[in-house]
């Protein structure tokens, strides 16, 4: 859609199973993740397919989450060996975290993954937000549970829990509620970008300027 809300282009592919994640942090290379076929599909600005990456050919057998890396490549959480893995643009495995199930002594079923400011963040509802360095080494866990979605802005992580948005400071660990504008329906997702709030509810996608 353009800034006025006019449709510009679309992409639809119903034969690849669930579309679990869309990462548009790089608008020139939009990443789609299809876990059923273990594939990453990259689209250009017109939403035409640039390339397809078959993760099983890279020995990632059960990819669970995926996102783009700001430093050339992609992050994938492989549930088979419970490892966070970094794939370079040359489609070679660059870094891996080690088995997180063994490290944290629980089975990891994360729901969201993103890179920001040379760190990687992975949300697991019953554990919190796991923080990794840019080499995939586990650093710490922010103990905020029940998370469904999140966004990193500076030193704060904004996250959706139940039907409310909260923020936690990564250094002080102080948590605060984030006031949302009046809306109808339950919040499904949110994002702040360039003085605008994009709020997705069960009723509509609303855009607010501030």
N, C-alpha and C. Protein backbone atom coordinates (compact mmCIF):
# COMPACT_ATOMS: atom_id res chain seq x y z
N UNK A 1 0.84 -1.19 0.00
CA UNK A 1 0.00 0.00 0.00
C UNK A 1 0.88 1.25 0.00
N UNK A 2 0.38 2.32 -0.67
CA UNK A 2 1.11 3.58 -0.62
C UNK A 2 0.70 4.34 0.64
N UNK A 3 1.35 5.51 0.92
CA UNK A 3 1.03 6.24 2.15
C UNK A 3 -0.44 6.63 2.29
N UNK A 4 -1.16 6.71 1.16
CA UNK A 4 -2.58 7.07 1.22
C UNK A 4 -3.48 5.85 1.40
N UNK A 5 -2.88 4.65 1.44
CA UNK A 5 -3.66 3.44 1.63
C UNK A 5 -4.12 2.78 0.34
N UNK A 6 -3.57 3.25 -0.79
CA UNK A 6 -3.95 2.66 -2.08
C UNK A 6 -3.13 1.39 -2.33
N UNK A 7 -3.78 0.28 -2.70
CA UNK A 7 -3.02 -0.96 -3.00
C UNK A 7 -2.08 -0.77 -4.18
N UNK A 8 -0.85 -1.26 -4.03
CA UNK A 8 0.15 -1.15 -5.09
C UNK A 8 0.48 -2.50 -5.72
N UNK A 9 0.67 -3.52 -4.91
CA UNK A 9 1.05 -4.84 -5.43
C UNK A 9 0.69 -5.89 -4.40
N UNK A 10 0.71 -7.15 -4.84
CA UNK A 10 0.38 -8.23 -3.91
C UNK A 10 1.15 -9.49 -4.28
N UNK A 11 1.23 -10.38 -3.31
CA UNK A 11 1.89 -11.68 -3.51
C UNK A 11 1.04 -12.73 -2.82
N UNK A 12 0.75 -13.82 -3.49
CA UNK A 12 -0.03 -14.90 -2.90
C UNK A 12 0.51 -16.23 -3.38
N UNK A 13 0.73 -17.12 -2.43
CA UNK A 13 1.20 -18.47 -2.78
C UNK A 13 0.64 -19.42 -1.73
N UNK A 14 -0.41 -20.13 -2.09
CA UNK A 14 -1.16 -20.91 -1.10
C UNK A 14 -0.69 -22.36 -1.01
N UNK A 15 0.29 -22.73 -1.82
CA UNK A 15 0.70 -24.14 -1.87
C UNK A 15 1.95 -24.42 -1.05
N UNK A 16 2.33 -23.49 -0.16
CA UNK A 16 3.54 -23.68 0.64
C UNK A 16 3.24 -23.82 2.13
N UNK A 17 1.97 -23.99 2.47
CA UNK A 17 1.63 -24.14 3.88
C UNK A 17 1.58 -22.81 4.60
N UNK A 18 1.80 -22.86 5.90
CA UNK A 18 1.68 -21.67 6.74
C UNK A 18 2.76 -20.63 6.42
N UNK A 19 2.33 -19.38 6.29
CA UNK A 19 3.27 -18.27 6.22
C UNK A 19 3.43 -17.76 7.65
N UNK A 20 4.52 -18.17 8.31
CA UNK A 20 4.66 -17.89 9.75
C UNK A 20 5.19 -16.50 10.03
N UNK A 21 6.01 -15.97 9.13
CA UNK A 21 6.61 -14.68 9.43
C UNK A 21 6.90 -13.91 8.16
N UNK A 22 6.70 -12.58 8.26
CA UNK A 22 7.09 -11.65 7.19
C UNK A 22 8.02 -10.63 7.82
N UNK A 23 9.23 -10.49 7.28
CA UNK A 23 10.20 -9.54 7.79
C UNK A 23 10.48 -8.51 6.70
N UNK A 24 10.03 -7.27 6.94
CA UNK A 24 10.20 -6.20 5.96
C UNK A 24 11.16 -5.14 6.46
N UNK A 25 12.09 -5.52 7.35
CA UNK A 25 13.05 -4.55 7.87
C UNK A 25 13.90 -3.97 6.74
N UNK A 26 14.14 -4.77 5.70
CA UNK A 26 14.77 -4.29 4.47
C UNK A 26 13.69 -4.27 3.40
N UNK A 27 13.13 -3.08 3.08
CA UNK A 27 12.01 -3.02 2.13
C UNK A 27 12.39 -3.42 0.71
N UNK A 28 13.70 -3.48 0.43
CA UNK A 28 14.14 -3.91 -0.89
C UNK A 28 14.23 -5.43 -0.99
N UNK A 29 14.13 -6.11 0.17
CA UNK A 29 14.27 -7.56 0.19
C UNK A 29 13.38 -8.09 1.32
N UNK A 30 12.11 -8.22 1.04
CA UNK A 30 11.14 -8.67 2.04
C UNK A 30 11.25 -10.19 2.19
N UNK A 31 11.39 -10.63 3.43
CA UNK A 31 11.59 -12.06 3.70
C UNK A 31 10.28 -12.71 4.16
N UNK A 32 9.92 -13.80 3.51
CA UNK A 32 8.77 -14.63 3.90
C UNK A 32 9.30 -15.98 4.38
N UNK A 33 8.73 -16.47 5.48
CA UNK A 33 9.19 -17.74 6.04
C UNK A 33 8.06 -18.74 6.04
N UNK A 34 8.28 -19.88 5.34
CA UNK A 34 7.32 -20.98 5.25
C UNK A 34 7.93 -22.21 5.94
N UNK A 35 7.57 -22.47 7.19
CA UNK A 35 8.20 -23.58 7.92
C UNK A 35 7.84 -24.96 7.39
N UNK A 36 6.63 -25.14 6.85
CA UNK A 36 6.22 -26.46 6.37
C UNK A 36 7.14 -26.97 5.27
N UNK A 37 7.61 -26.05 4.42
CA UNK A 37 8.51 -26.43 3.33
C UNK A 37 9.95 -26.03 3.63
N UNK A 38 10.19 -25.49 4.84
CA UNK A 38 11.54 -25.06 5.26
C UNK A 38 12.14 -24.12 4.22
N UNK A 39 11.38 -23.09 3.85
CA UNK A 39 11.84 -22.18 2.81
C UNK A 39 11.76 -20.72 3.24
N UNK A 40 12.75 -19.96 2.78
CA UNK A 40 12.71 -18.50 2.84
C UNK A 40 12.51 -17.99 1.42
N UNK A 41 11.55 -17.11 1.24
CA UNK A 41 11.32 -16.49 -0.06
C UNK A 41 11.59 -15.00 0.06
N UNK A 42 12.39 -14.46 -0.84
CA UNK A 42 12.75 -13.04 -0.84
C UNK A 42 12.02 -12.34 -1.97
N UNK A 43 11.33 -11.24 -1.62
CA UNK A 43 10.57 -10.47 -2.60
C UNK A 43 11.20 -9.10 -2.79
N UNK A 44 11.04 -8.53 -3.99
CA UNK A 44 11.50 -7.16 -4.22
C UNK A 44 10.39 -6.17 -3.87
N UNK A 45 10.59 -4.90 -4.18
CA UNK A 45 9.61 -3.88 -3.79
C UNK A 45 8.28 -4.03 -4.52
N UNK A 46 8.28 -4.75 -5.63
CA UNK A 46 7.03 -5.02 -6.36
C UNK A 46 6.39 -6.34 -5.92
N UNK A 47 6.97 -6.96 -4.89
CA UNK A 47 6.52 -8.24 -4.35
C UNK A 47 6.63 -9.37 -5.37
N UNK A 48 7.64 -9.27 -6.23
CA UNK A 48 7.99 -10.37 -7.12
C UNK A 48 9.12 -11.17 -6.48
N UNK A 49 9.15 -12.47 -6.73
CA UNK A 49 10.14 -13.34 -6.10
C UNK A 49 11.54 -13.04 -6.64
N UNK A 50 12.46 -12.73 -5.73
CA UNK A 50 13.86 -12.57 -6.09
C UNK A 50 14.59 -13.90 -6.03
N UNK A 51 14.37 -14.63 -4.93
CA UNK A 51 15.05 -15.91 -4.76
C UNK A 51 14.33 -16.73 -3.70
N UNK A 52 14.62 -18.02 -3.71
CA UNK A 52 14.08 -18.96 -2.73
C UNK A 52 15.23 -19.71 -2.09
N UNK A 53 15.23 -19.78 -0.77
CA UNK A 53 16.28 -20.48 -0.03
C UNK A 53 15.68 -21.71 0.62
N UNK A 54 16.18 -22.87 0.26
CA UNK A 54 15.72 -24.13 0.85
C UNK A 54 16.61 -24.45 2.06
N UNK A 55 16.04 -24.33 3.23
CA UNK A 55 16.84 -24.47 4.45
C UNK A 55 17.29 -25.90 4.68
N UNK A 56 16.52 -26.88 4.25
CA UNK A 56 16.94 -28.27 4.47
C UNK A 56 18.19 -28.60 3.68
N UNK A 57 18.40 -27.93 2.57
CA UNK A 57 19.63 -28.16 1.81
C UNK A 57 20.84 -27.59 2.54
N UNK A 58 20.58 -26.74 3.56
CA UNK A 58 21.64 -26.18 4.39
C UNK A 58 21.74 -26.94 5.71
N UNK A 59 21.08 -28.09 5.78
CA UNK A 59 21.08 -28.96 6.95
C UNK A 59 20.35 -28.32 8.14
N UNK A 60 19.35 -27.49 7.84
CA UNK A 60 18.44 -26.99 8.87
C UNK A 60 17.12 -27.71 8.64
N UNK A 61 16.89 -28.75 9.41
CA UNK A 61 15.82 -29.69 9.10
C UNK A 61 14.44 -29.23 9.58
N UNK A 62 14.39 -28.57 10.74
CA UNK A 62 13.10 -28.15 11.29
C UNK A 62 13.14 -26.68 11.70
N UNK A 63 13.20 -25.78 10.73
CA UNK A 63 13.21 -24.35 11.06
C UNK A 63 11.89 -23.95 11.71
N UNK A 64 11.99 -23.15 12.77
CA UNK A 64 10.80 -22.77 13.54
C UNK A 64 10.51 -21.27 13.41
N UNK A 65 11.58 -20.47 13.41
CA UNK A 65 11.47 -19.02 13.23
C UNK A 65 12.59 -18.56 12.33
N UNK A 66 12.38 -17.41 11.67
CA UNK A 66 13.41 -16.85 10.81
C UNK A 66 13.23 -15.34 10.73
N UNK A 67 14.34 -14.63 10.55
CA UNK A 67 14.28 -13.19 10.34
C UNK A 67 15.52 -12.76 9.56
N UNK A 68 15.48 -11.55 9.05
CA UNK A 68 16.63 -10.99 8.34
C UNK A 68 17.67 -10.52 9.33
N UNK A 69 18.93 -10.54 8.91
CA UNK A 69 20.02 -9.96 9.68
C UNK A 69 20.39 -8.62 9.06
N UNK A 70 20.68 -7.65 9.89
CA UNK A 70 21.11 -6.34 9.41
C UNK A 70 22.54 -6.39 8.90
N UNK A 71 23.24 -7.48 9.20
CA UNK A 71 24.64 -7.62 8.79
C UNK A 71 24.74 -8.79 7.80
N UNK A 72 24.03 -8.68 6.70
CA UNK A 72 24.15 -9.62 5.58
C UNK A 72 23.86 -11.08 5.96
N UNK A 73 22.62 -11.46 5.85
CA UNK A 73 22.27 -12.85 6.07
C UNK A 73 20.93 -12.99 6.76
N UNK A 74 20.75 -14.15 7.39
CA UNK A 74 19.46 -14.50 7.98
C UNK A 74 19.69 -15.30 9.26
N UNK A 75 18.80 -15.10 10.22
CA UNK A 75 18.80 -15.88 11.45
C UNK A 75 17.67 -16.89 11.41
N UNK A 76 17.94 -18.11 11.83
CA UNK A 76 16.94 -19.18 11.85
C UNK A 76 17.06 -19.94 13.16
N UNK A 77 15.90 -20.19 13.80
CA UNK A 77 15.92 -21.08 14.97
C UNK A 77 15.49 -22.46 14.50
N UNK A 78 16.38 -23.43 14.67
CA UNK A 78 16.14 -24.81 14.26
C UNK A 78 15.68 -25.60 15.48
N UNK A 79 14.42 -26.00 15.47
CA UNK A 79 13.86 -26.67 16.66
C UNK A 79 14.40 -28.09 16.81
N UNK A 80 14.96 -28.66 15.74
CA UNK A 80 15.48 -30.02 15.82
C UNK A 80 16.63 -30.12 16.82
N UNK A 81 17.56 -29.19 16.77
CA UNK A 81 18.67 -29.20 17.72
C UNK A 81 18.66 -27.99 18.63
N UNK A 82 17.53 -27.24 18.63
CA UNK A 82 17.33 -26.09 19.54
C UNK A 82 18.46 -25.08 19.44
N UNK A 83 18.86 -24.76 18.21
CA UNK A 83 19.95 -23.82 18.01
C UNK A 83 19.50 -22.62 17.18
N UNK A 84 19.97 -21.45 17.57
CA UNK A 84 19.85 -20.25 16.74
C UNK A 84 21.02 -20.24 15.77
N UNK A 85 20.74 -20.10 14.47
CA UNK A 85 21.79 -20.22 13.46
C UNK A 85 21.78 -19.00 12.54
N UNK A 86 22.99 -18.57 12.19
CA UNK A 86 23.15 -17.45 11.26
C UNK A 86 23.63 -17.98 9.91
N UNK A 87 22.88 -17.63 8.86
CA UNK A 87 23.23 -18.01 7.49
C UNK A 87 23.70 -16.76 6.77
N UNK A 88 24.84 -16.83 6.12
CA UNK A 88 25.36 -15.70 5.37
C UNK A 88 24.71 -15.60 4.00
N UNK A 89 25.01 -14.52 3.30
CA UNK A 89 24.46 -14.35 1.95
C UNK A 89 25.01 -15.39 0.99
N UNK A 90 26.13 -16.01 1.35
CA UNK A 90 26.67 -17.09 0.53
C UNK A 90 26.03 -18.43 0.85
N UNK A 91 24.99 -18.38 1.72
CA UNK A 91 24.23 -19.58 2.13
C UNK A 91 25.11 -20.59 2.85
N UNK A 92 26.06 -20.08 3.60
CA UNK A 92 26.88 -20.93 4.45
C UNK A 92 26.56 -20.61 5.91
N UNK A 93 26.61 -21.65 6.75
CA UNK A 93 26.37 -21.46 8.16
C UNK A 93 27.53 -20.69 8.78
N UNK A 94 27.24 -19.54 9.39
CA UNK A 94 28.29 -18.70 9.97
C UNK A 94 28.42 -18.90 11.48
N UNK A 95 27.28 -18.87 12.19
CA UNK A 95 27.32 -18.96 13.64
C UNK A 95 26.16 -19.83 14.12
N UNK A 96 26.32 -20.43 15.30
CA UNK A 96 25.23 -21.15 15.93
C UNK A 96 25.39 -21.08 17.45
N UNK A 97 24.27 -21.13 18.14
CA UNK A 97 24.23 -20.81 19.56
C UNK A 97 24.60 -21.96 20.48
N UNK A 98 24.56 -23.18 20.00
CA UNK A 98 24.60 -24.33 20.89
C UNK A 98 23.18 -24.66 21.31
N UNK A 99 22.99 -25.84 21.87
CA UNK A 99 21.65 -26.34 22.20
C UNK A 99 21.05 -25.55 23.36
N UNK A 100 20.01 -24.78 23.06
CA UNK A 100 19.40 -23.92 24.08
C UNK A 100 18.53 -24.72 25.05
N UNK A 101 17.99 -25.84 24.59
CA UNK A 101 17.23 -26.70 25.52
C UNK A 101 18.12 -27.18 26.66
N UNK A 102 19.33 -27.56 26.33
CA UNK A 102 20.27 -28.03 27.35
C UNK A 102 20.76 -26.87 28.21
N UNK A 103 21.02 -25.73 27.58
CA UNK A 103 21.55 -24.58 28.31
C UNK A 103 20.54 -24.04 29.31
N UNK A 104 19.27 -23.96 28.89
CA UNK A 104 18.24 -23.36 29.74
C UNK A 104 17.39 -24.40 30.47
N UNK A 105 17.66 -25.68 30.18
CA UNK A 105 16.99 -26.78 30.86
C UNK A 105 15.47 -26.76 30.68
N UNK A 106 15.05 -26.46 29.48
CA UNK A 106 13.63 -26.54 29.12
C UNK A 106 13.53 -26.58 27.60
N UNK A 107 12.41 -27.07 27.09
CA UNK A 107 12.21 -27.14 25.65
C UNK A 107 11.74 -25.79 25.13
N UNK A 108 12.48 -25.25 24.19
CA UNK A 108 12.21 -23.92 23.68
C UNK A 108 11.17 -23.96 22.56
N UNK A 109 10.11 -23.15 22.71
CA UNK A 109 9.12 -22.98 21.65
C UNK A 109 8.90 -21.47 21.47
N UNK A 110 9.86 -20.79 20.89
CA UNK A 110 9.77 -19.32 20.76
C UNK A 110 8.70 -18.91 19.76
N UNK A 111 8.26 -17.65 19.88
CA UNK A 111 7.18 -17.15 19.03
C UNK A 111 7.60 -15.97 18.17
N UNK A 112 8.74 -15.35 18.45
CA UNK A 112 9.16 -14.18 17.67
C UNK A 112 10.68 -14.06 17.71
N UNK A 113 11.24 -13.53 16.61
CA UNK A 113 12.69 -13.44 16.45
C UNK A 113 13.02 -12.17 15.68
N UNK A 114 14.00 -11.39 16.15
CA UNK A 114 14.38 -10.16 15.45
C UNK A 114 15.80 -9.78 15.83
N UNK A 115 16.46 -9.06 14.91
CA UNK A 115 17.78 -8.52 15.18
C UNK A 115 17.69 -7.01 15.28
N UNK A 116 18.44 -6.42 16.23
CA UNK A 116 18.47 -4.97 16.39
C UNK A 116 19.74 -4.58 17.12
N UNK A 117 20.42 -3.55 16.62
CA UNK A 117 21.59 -2.97 17.29
C UNK A 117 22.63 -4.04 17.65
N UNK A 118 22.96 -4.88 16.69
CA UNK A 118 23.99 -5.92 16.82
C UNK A 118 23.65 -6.95 17.89
N UNK A 119 22.39 -7.08 18.23
CA UNK A 119 21.94 -8.15 19.12
C UNK A 119 20.76 -8.85 18.46
N UNK A 120 20.54 -10.08 18.87
CA UNK A 120 19.40 -10.86 18.36
C UNK A 120 18.50 -11.16 19.55
N UNK A 121 17.19 -11.02 19.34
CA UNK A 121 16.21 -11.19 20.41
C UNK A 121 15.21 -12.27 19.99
N UNK A 122 14.93 -13.17 20.92
CA UNK A 122 13.99 -14.25 20.65
C UNK A 122 13.04 -14.39 21.84
N UNK A 123 11.75 -14.28 21.57
CA UNK A 123 10.75 -14.33 22.64
C UNK A 123 10.19 -15.74 22.79
N UNK A 124 10.19 -16.21 24.03
CA UNK A 124 9.61 -17.51 24.37
C UNK A 124 8.62 -17.25 25.50
N UNK A 125 7.32 -17.52 25.28
CA UNK A 125 6.28 -17.06 26.21
C UNK A 125 6.50 -17.45 27.67
N UNK A 126 7.04 -18.64 27.94
CA UNK A 126 7.17 -19.07 29.32
C UNK A 126 8.53 -18.75 29.92
N UNK A 127 9.46 -18.27 29.10
CA UNK A 127 10.81 -17.98 29.58
C UNK A 127 11.09 -16.49 29.61
N UNK A 128 10.75 -15.79 28.55
CA UNK A 128 11.02 -14.37 28.42
C UNK A 128 11.66 -14.06 27.09
N UNK A 129 12.43 -12.97 27.05
CA UNK A 129 13.12 -12.57 25.83
C UNK A 129 14.59 -12.94 25.95
N UNK A 130 15.03 -13.87 25.12
CA UNK A 130 16.43 -14.28 25.12
C UNK A 130 17.23 -13.32 24.27
N UNK A 131 18.39 -12.91 24.77
CA UNK A 131 19.25 -11.96 24.07
C UNK A 131 20.55 -12.66 23.67
N UNK A 132 20.94 -12.49 22.40
CA UNK A 132 22.16 -13.08 21.87
C UNK A 132 23.02 -11.97 21.27
N UNK A 133 24.34 -12.19 21.22
CA UNK A 133 25.19 -11.22 20.54
C UNK A 133 25.16 -11.48 19.03
N UNK A 134 25.90 -10.69 18.28
CA UNK A 134 25.83 -10.79 16.82
C UNK A 134 26.48 -12.05 16.27
N UNK A 135 27.12 -12.84 17.16
CA UNK A 135 27.69 -14.12 16.75
C UNK A 135 26.80 -15.29 17.16
N UNK A 136 25.63 -14.99 17.71
CA UNK A 136 24.71 -16.05 18.12
C UNK A 136 24.97 -16.62 19.49
N UNK A 137 25.86 -15.98 20.26
CA UNK A 137 26.14 -16.46 21.61
C UNK A 137 25.07 -15.95 22.57
N UNK A 138 24.54 -16.86 23.38
CA UNK A 138 23.52 -16.49 24.36
C UNK A 138 24.10 -15.55 25.40
N UNK A 139 23.38 -14.45 25.68
CA UNK A 139 23.84 -13.47 26.65
C UNK A 139 23.02 -13.53 27.94
N UNK A 140 21.71 -13.31 27.83
CA UNK A 140 20.86 -13.28 29.02
C UNK A 140 19.40 -13.43 28.61
N UNK A 141 18.55 -13.53 29.62
CA UNK A 141 17.10 -13.60 29.41
C UNK A 141 16.43 -12.49 30.19
N UNK A 142 15.59 -11.73 29.52
CA UNK A 142 14.77 -10.73 30.19
C UNK A 142 13.49 -11.43 30.66
N UNK A 143 13.26 -11.51 31.96
CA UNK A 143 12.17 -12.36 32.48
C UNK A 143 10.79 -11.73 32.37
N UNK A 144 10.35 -11.51 31.13
CA UNK A 144 8.98 -11.02 30.90
C UNK A 144 8.25 -12.11 30.12
N UNK A 145 7.24 -12.68 30.71
CA UNK A 145 6.58 -13.85 30.13
C UNK A 145 5.27 -13.47 29.44
N UNK A 146 4.74 -14.43 28.71
CA UNK A 146 3.46 -14.24 28.04
C UNK A 146 3.54 -13.40 26.78
N UNK A 147 4.74 -13.20 26.25
CA UNK A 147 4.92 -12.33 25.08
C UNK A 147 4.44 -13.00 23.81
N UNK A 148 3.79 -12.20 22.95
CA UNK A 148 3.35 -12.69 21.63
C UNK A 148 4.10 -12.00 20.49
N UNK A 149 4.30 -10.69 20.61
CA UNK A 149 5.03 -9.90 19.61
C UNK A 149 5.93 -8.91 20.35
N UNK A 150 6.99 -8.43 19.67
CA UNK A 150 7.82 -7.41 20.30
C UNK A 150 8.53 -6.58 19.24
N UNK A 151 9.03 -5.41 19.68
CA UNK A 151 9.83 -4.54 18.83
C UNK A 151 10.89 -3.87 19.70
N UNK A 152 12.12 -3.81 19.22
CA UNK A 152 13.21 -3.18 19.95
C UNK A 152 13.38 -1.75 19.46
N UNK A 153 13.31 -0.80 20.40
CA UNK A 153 13.52 0.62 20.08
C UNK A 153 14.51 1.18 21.10
N UNK A 154 15.74 1.41 20.67
CA UNK A 154 16.76 1.90 21.57
C UNK A 154 17.02 0.91 22.69
N UNK A 155 16.96 1.40 23.92
CA UNK A 155 17.20 0.55 25.08
C UNK A 155 15.93 -0.15 25.56
N UNK A 156 14.81 0.12 24.92
CA UNK A 156 13.55 -0.48 25.35
C UNK A 156 13.09 -1.55 24.38
N UNK A 157 12.43 -2.55 24.93
CA UNK A 157 11.74 -3.57 24.13
C UNK A 157 10.25 -3.42 24.41
N UNK A 158 9.50 -3.11 23.37
CA UNK A 158 8.05 -3.04 23.47
C UNK A 158 7.49 -4.40 23.13
N UNK A 159 6.52 -4.86 23.91
CA UNK A 159 6.01 -6.20 23.66
C UNK A 159 4.50 -6.27 23.92
N UNK A 160 3.88 -7.20 23.21
CA UNK A 160 2.45 -7.44 23.33
C UNK A 160 2.23 -8.63 24.24
N UNK A 161 1.45 -8.40 25.30
CA UNK A 161 1.09 -9.46 26.23
C UNK A 161 -0.40 -9.38 26.47
N UNK A 162 -1.11 -10.48 26.22
CA UNK A 162 -2.57 -10.49 26.25
C UNK A 162 -3.05 -9.47 25.23
N UNK A 163 -3.75 -8.41 25.65
CA UNK A 163 -4.25 -7.40 24.71
C UNK A 163 -3.67 -6.03 25.03
N UNK A 164 -2.49 -6.01 25.64
CA UNK A 164 -1.88 -4.74 26.03
C UNK A 164 -0.42 -4.71 25.60
N UNK A 165 0.10 -3.49 25.43
CA UNK A 165 1.48 -3.29 25.02
C UNK A 165 2.26 -2.71 26.22
N UNK A 166 3.43 -3.28 26.47
CA UNK A 166 4.28 -2.84 27.56
C UNK A 166 5.68 -2.58 27.00
N UNK A 167 6.50 -1.90 27.80
CA UNK A 167 7.89 -1.68 27.44
C UNK A 167 8.77 -2.03 28.63
N UNK A 168 9.93 -2.64 28.36
CA UNK A 168 10.90 -2.94 29.41
C UNK A 168 12.25 -2.40 28.99
N UNK A 169 12.93 -1.73 29.92
CA UNK A 169 14.26 -1.21 29.66
C UNK A 169 15.27 -2.34 29.83
N UNK A 170 16.12 -2.53 28.81
CA UNK A 170 17.06 -3.66 28.83
C UNK A 170 18.12 -3.54 29.92
N UNK A 171 18.41 -2.31 30.34
CA UNK A 171 19.46 -2.11 31.35
C UNK A 171 18.89 -2.06 32.76
N UNK A 172 17.83 -1.29 32.96
CA UNK A 172 17.28 -1.12 34.30
C UNK A 172 16.25 -2.17 34.66
N UNK A 173 15.72 -2.86 33.63
CA UNK A 173 14.68 -3.89 33.80
C UNK A 173 13.36 -3.29 34.30
N UNK A 174 13.21 -1.99 34.20
CA UNK A 174 11.95 -1.36 34.58
C UNK A 174 10.92 -1.57 33.49
N UNK A 175 9.73 -1.94 33.89
CA UNK A 175 8.65 -2.21 32.95
C UNK A 175 7.56 -1.16 33.11
N UNK A 176 6.97 -0.75 31.99
CA UNK A 176 5.90 0.24 32.02
C UNK A 176 4.86 -0.09 30.95
N UNK A 177 3.60 0.30 31.17
CA UNK A 177 2.60 0.13 30.12
C UNK A 177 2.77 1.18 29.03
N UNK A 178 2.43 0.85 27.80
CA UNK A 178 2.47 1.79 26.67
C UNK A 178 1.03 2.10 26.29
N UNK A 179 0.67 3.37 26.38
CA UNK A 179 -0.70 3.78 26.09
C UNK A 179 -0.98 3.68 24.60
N UNK A 180 -1.99 2.94 24.24
CA UNK A 180 -2.41 2.80 22.86
C UNK A 180 -3.63 3.69 22.59
N UNK A 181 -3.81 4.20 21.37
CA UNK A 181 -5.01 4.97 21.06
C UNK A 181 -6.26 4.10 21.13
N UNK A 182 -7.38 4.73 21.25
CA UNK A 182 -8.63 3.98 21.28
C UNK A 182 -8.79 3.19 19.98
N UNK A 183 -9.21 1.94 20.11
CA UNK A 183 -9.34 1.08 18.94
C UNK A 183 -10.41 0.04 19.21
N UNK A 184 -10.90 -0.55 18.14
CA UNK A 184 -11.88 -1.63 18.25
C UNK A 184 -11.19 -2.96 17.96
N UNK A 185 -11.66 -4.01 18.61
CA UNK A 185 -11.08 -5.33 18.42
C UNK A 185 -9.85 -5.53 19.28
N UNK A 186 -9.40 -6.78 19.35
CA UNK A 186 -8.22 -7.13 20.13
C UNK A 186 -6.95 -6.88 19.32
N UNK A 187 -5.89 -6.43 19.99
CA UNK A 187 -4.63 -6.16 19.31
C UNK A 187 -3.97 -7.48 18.89
N UNK A 188 -3.60 -7.57 17.63
CA UNK A 188 -2.88 -8.73 17.12
C UNK A 188 -1.40 -8.43 16.89
N UNK A 189 -1.09 -7.17 16.54
CA UNK A 189 0.30 -6.80 16.29
C UNK A 189 0.40 -5.28 16.30
N UNK A 190 1.62 -4.77 16.43
CA UNK A 190 1.85 -3.33 16.43
C UNK A 190 3.27 -3.06 15.94
N UNK A 191 3.50 -1.84 15.49
CA UNK A 191 4.86 -1.43 15.14
C UNK A 191 4.93 0.09 15.06
N UNK A 192 6.00 0.65 15.63
CA UNK A 192 6.28 2.07 15.53
C UNK A 192 7.36 2.27 14.48
N UNK A 193 7.10 3.15 13.51
CA UNK A 193 8.06 3.46 12.46
C UNK A 193 7.90 4.91 12.04
N UNK A 194 8.98 5.69 12.13
CA UNK A 194 9.05 7.05 11.58
C UNK A 194 7.83 7.88 11.99
N UNK A 195 7.64 8.04 13.28
CA UNK A 195 6.58 8.88 13.84
C UNK A 195 5.17 8.37 13.50
N UNK A 196 5.07 7.09 13.23
CA UNK A 196 3.75 6.50 12.98
C UNK A 196 3.62 5.19 13.76
N UNK A 197 2.40 4.91 14.18
CA UNK A 197 2.07 3.64 14.83
C UNK A 197 1.17 2.86 13.91
N UNK A 198 1.56 1.64 13.60
CA UNK A 198 0.73 0.71 12.83
C UNK A 198 0.14 -0.29 13.82
N UNK A 199 -1.17 -0.29 13.94
CA UNK A 199 -1.85 -1.11 14.94
C UNK A 199 -2.81 -2.07 14.23
N UNK A 200 -2.50 -3.35 14.33
CA UNK A 200 -3.33 -4.38 13.72
C UNK A 200 -4.22 -5.00 14.80
N UNK A 201 -5.52 -4.93 14.60
CA UNK A 201 -6.46 -5.55 15.51
C UNK A 201 -7.27 -6.61 14.75
N UNK A 202 -8.16 -7.27 15.45
CA UNK A 202 -9.02 -8.25 14.79
C UNK A 202 -10.01 -7.57 13.84
N UNK A 203 -10.14 -6.24 13.93
CA UNK A 203 -11.09 -5.52 13.08
C UNK A 203 -10.44 -4.80 11.90
N UNK A 204 -9.21 -4.26 12.11
CA UNK A 204 -8.64 -3.41 11.07
C UNK A 204 -7.15 -3.19 11.32
N UNK A 205 -6.48 -2.65 10.28
CA UNK A 205 -5.13 -2.11 10.40
C UNK A 205 -5.26 -0.61 10.43
N UNK A 206 -4.90 0.02 11.54
CA UNK A 206 -5.02 1.47 11.69
C UNK A 206 -3.63 2.09 11.78
N UNK A 207 -3.47 3.28 11.19
CA UNK A 207 -2.20 4.00 11.18
C UNK A 207 -2.40 5.33 11.88
N UNK A 208 -1.57 5.60 12.89
CA UNK A 208 -1.65 6.83 13.67
C UNK A 208 -0.35 7.59 13.54
N UNK A 209 -0.44 8.92 13.39
CA UNK A 209 0.74 9.78 13.36
C UNK A 209 0.89 10.46 14.72
N UNK A 210 2.15 10.70 15.12
CA UNK A 210 2.38 11.35 16.41
C UNK A 210 3.64 12.21 16.34
